[in-house]
Amino acid sequence: MSTLTLMRGMSDKDATFGTLFLDGYYLCSTVEDQYQPGPVKVMHETRIPEGKYQIILRTHGGFHQRYKAKFPDFHRGMLELKDVPRFTDILIHCGNDDDDTSGCVIVGEPPVPFFGRHWVSRSVDTYKEIYPALAQRAAMSDLIMHIKDCDHGK
């Protein structure tokens, strides 16, 4: 079984930034929604809970159709985290900041300041670099994501 490890390292009032590893090797940086205390889930404003999640290829829905058109040479399905408590449709996809996610994991290069906010850059390039290896493993039911809160939940 291959393991994606997401180490959450920095949070602010709007977003959470992390580092993604595959079997211990660095892949990229990430951005998600912010931490919410307790069992609270605020729509479009809450990161998913720390834990371990199976990743599958999802071949339906709007994201799948858009990515199939955007990346016709390699897209096989969206990378979806399964059985996330209180959440549905959690994907790994492109974007720049917390406004581009509703609990999903956005991939890119390390966060940079931009007009008073932090965001990841080169998201599309990063996605194109990491997707083939992740999709291959997910298609074989051989990929889990372990999310660790190293920002002490804040």
Protein backbone atom coordinates (compact mmCIF):
# COMPACT_ATOMS: atom_id res chain seq x y z
CA MET A 1 0.00 0.00 0.00
CA SER A 2 1.36 3.43 -0.94
CA THR A 3 0.90 6.26 1.53
CA LEU A 4 0.43 9.94 0.87
CA THR A 5 1.28 11.85 4.03
CA LEU A 6 -0.01 15.37 4.43
CA MET A 7 1.82 17.24 7.18
CA ARG A 8 -0.14 20.37 8.07
CA GLY A 9 2.37 22.93 9.25
CA MET A 10 0.93 26.44 9.14
CA SER A 11 -2.57 27.80 9.64
CA ASP A 12 -4.17 31.20 9.76
CA LYS A 13 -7.76 32.42 10.07
CA ASP A 14 -8.52 31.51 6.45
CA ALA A 15 -6.32 28.62 5.36
CA THR A 16 -4.09 25.69 6.26
CA PHE A 17 -0.81 25.01 4.48
CA GLY A 18 0.97 21.69 4.38
CA THR A 19 3.51 19.47 2.70
CA LEU A 20 2.59 16.31 0.81
CA PHE A 21 4.84 13.24 0.69
CA LEU A 22 4.46 9.94 -1.19
CA ASP A 23 6.02 7.03 0.68
CA GLY A 24 8.29 9.50 2.48
CA TYR A 25 9.37 11.47 -0.60
CA TYR A 26 8.43 15.13 -1.05
CA LEU A 27 5.76 15.78 -3.68
CA CYS A 28 4.45 19.32 -3.22
CA SER A 29 2.85 21.90 -0.99
CA THR A 30 -0.86 22.09 -0.22
CA VAL A 31 -3.53 24.55 0.84
CA GLU A 32 -6.86 23.71 2.46
CA ASP A 33 -9.58 25.52 4.36
CA GLN A 34 -8.91 26.58 7.94
CA TYR A 35 -9.18 24.66 11.19
CA GLN A 36 -12.47 24.85 13.11
CA PRO A 37 -12.47 23.89 16.79
CA GLY A 38 -14.42 20.87 17.98
CA PRO A 39 -16.80 18.92 15.77
CA VAL A 40 -17.87 22.11 13.99
CA LYS A 41 -18.11 22.07 10.19
CA VAL A 42 -18.62 25.40 8.48
CA MET A 43 -19.57 24.98 4.81
CA HIS A 44 -16.68 26.00 2.50
CA GLU A 45 -14.58 27.05 5.53
CA THR A 46 -13.44 23.85 7.28
CA ARG A 47 -10.53 21.52 6.59
CA ILE A 48 -11.13 17.79 6.87
CA PRO A 49 -10.24 15.99 10.10
CA GLU A 50 -6.82 14.51 10.74
CA GLY A 51 -6.84 10.79 9.90
CA LYS A 52 -6.28 8.10 7.27
CA TYR A 53 -8.37 7.94 4.11
CA GLN A 54 -8.52 5.61 1.12
CA ILE A 55 -8.06 7.43 -2.20
CA ILE A 56 -10.05 6.25 -5.21
CA LEU A 57 -10.54 7.47 -8.77
CA ARG A 58 -13.94 9.12 -9.15
CA THR A 59 -15.23 9.11 -12.73
CA HIS A 60 -18.37 11.23 -12.40
CA GLY A 61 -19.26 14.79 -11.50
CA GLY A 62 -18.39 18.27 -12.69
CA PHE A 63 -14.73 18.22 -11.66
CA HIS A 64 -14.22 14.95 -13.52
CA GLN A 65 -15.77 16.34 -16.70
CA ARG A 66 -13.73 19.58 -16.52
CA TYR A 67 -10.45 17.77 -15.84
CA LYS A 68 -11.16 15.21 -18.58
CA ALA A 69 -11.41 18.13 -21.03
CA LYS A 70 -8.49 20.07 -19.50
CA PHE A 71 -6.11 17.09 -19.27
CA PRO A 72 -7.25 14.71 -22.04
CA ASP A 73 -3.87 13.02 -22.37
CA PHE A 74 -3.75 11.60 -18.85
CA HIS A 75 -6.91 12.22 -16.78
CA ARG A 76 -8.45 8.94 -15.57
CA GLY A 77 -10.67 10.25 -12.77
CA MET A 78 -10.55 12.61 -9.82
CA LEU A 79 -8.50 11.62 -6.79
CA GLU A 80 -11.16 11.37 -4.06
CA LEU A 81 -10.68 10.79 -0.32
CA LYS A 82 -13.29 8.31 0.88
CA ASP A 83 -15.23 8.14 4.15
CA VAL A 84 -14.25 11.53 5.55
CA PRO A 85 -16.43 12.19 8.62
CA ARG A 86 -19.04 14.94 8.01
CA PHE A 87 -17.68 15.57 4.47
CA THR A 88 -18.40 14.32 0.95
CA ASP A 89 -16.71 14.80 -2.42
CA ILE A 90 -13.24 15.58 -1.02
CA LEU A 91 -10.79 15.77 -3.92
CA ILE A 92 -7.15 16.54 -4.66
CA HIS A 93 -7.14 19.22 -7.35
CA CYS A 94 -5.73 22.48 -8.74
CA GLY A 95 -6.24 25.95 -7.26
CA ASN A 96 -4.37 28.73 -5.55
CA ASP A 97 -5.90 29.52 -2.16
CA ASP A 98 -8.63 28.61 0.29
CA ASP A 99 -11.25 30.23 -1.97
CA ASP A 100 -10.63 27.39 -4.46
CA THR A 101 -11.58 24.64 -2.02
CA SER A 102 -14.52 23.41 0.04
CA GLY A 103 -12.59 20.97 2.18
CA CYS A 104 -10.50 19.62 -0.71
CA VAL A 105 -6.71 19.52 -0.91
CA ILE A 106 -5.15 21.98 -3.37
CA VAL A 107 -1.65 21.13 -4.65
CA GLY A 108 1.11 23.51 -5.74
CA GLU A 109 4.45 25.04 -4.89
CA PRO A 110 5.25 26.47 -1.43
CA PRO A 111 2.96 29.26 -0.18
CA VAL A 112 3.88 32.80 -1.16
CA PRO A 113 2.43 36.11 0.07
CA PHE A 114 0.09 37.76 -2.42
CA PHE A 115 -1.77 40.97 -1.51
CA GLY A 116 -1.78 40.12 2.20
CA ARG A 117 -2.75 36.46 1.76
CA HIS A 118 -0.78 33.29 1.20
CA TRP A 119 -1.39 31.02 -1.74
CA VAL A 120 0.29 28.15 -3.59
CA SER A 121 1.70 28.72 -7.06
CA ARG A 122 2.21 26.48 -10.12
CA SER A 123 -0.81 24.40 -9.14
CA VAL A 124 -1.63 23.12 -12.63
CA ASP A 125 2.01 22.21 -13.32
CA THR A 126 2.27 20.48 -9.94
CA TYR A 127 -0.95 18.56 -10.51
CA LYS A 128 0.28 17.39 -13.92
CA GLU A 129 3.55 16.21 -12.34
CA ILE A 130 2.07 14.23 -9.45
CA TYR A 131 -1.26 13.00 -10.86
CA PRO A 132 -0.08 10.07 -13.04
CA ALA A 133 1.67 8.23 -10.20
CA LEU A 134 -1.17 8.87 -7.75
CA ALA A 135 -3.88 7.87 -10.24
CA GLN A 136 -2.08 4.64 -11.07
CA ARG A 137 -1.96 3.67 -7.39
CA ALA A 138 -5.55 4.79 -6.73
CA ALA A 139 -6.79 2.73 -9.69
CA MET A 140 -5.26 -0.36 -8.06
CA SER A 141 -6.82 0.48 -4.64
CA ASP A 142 -3.25 0.95 -3.43
CA LEU A 143 -3.27 4.51 -2.07
CA ILE A 144 -4.16 5.99 1.29
CA MET A 145 -3.69 9.50 2.63
CA HIS A 146 -2.55 10.02 6.21
CA ILE A 147 -3.24 13.58 7.36
CA LYS A 148 -1.28 14.80 10.37
CA ASP A 149 -1.90 18.09 12.17
CA CYS A 150 1.56 19.48 13.00
CA ASP A 151 0.11 22.97 13.48
CA HIS A 152 -1.42 21.84 16.81
CA GLY A 153 -4.91 22.11 15.34
CA LYS A 154 -4.70 25.86 14.80
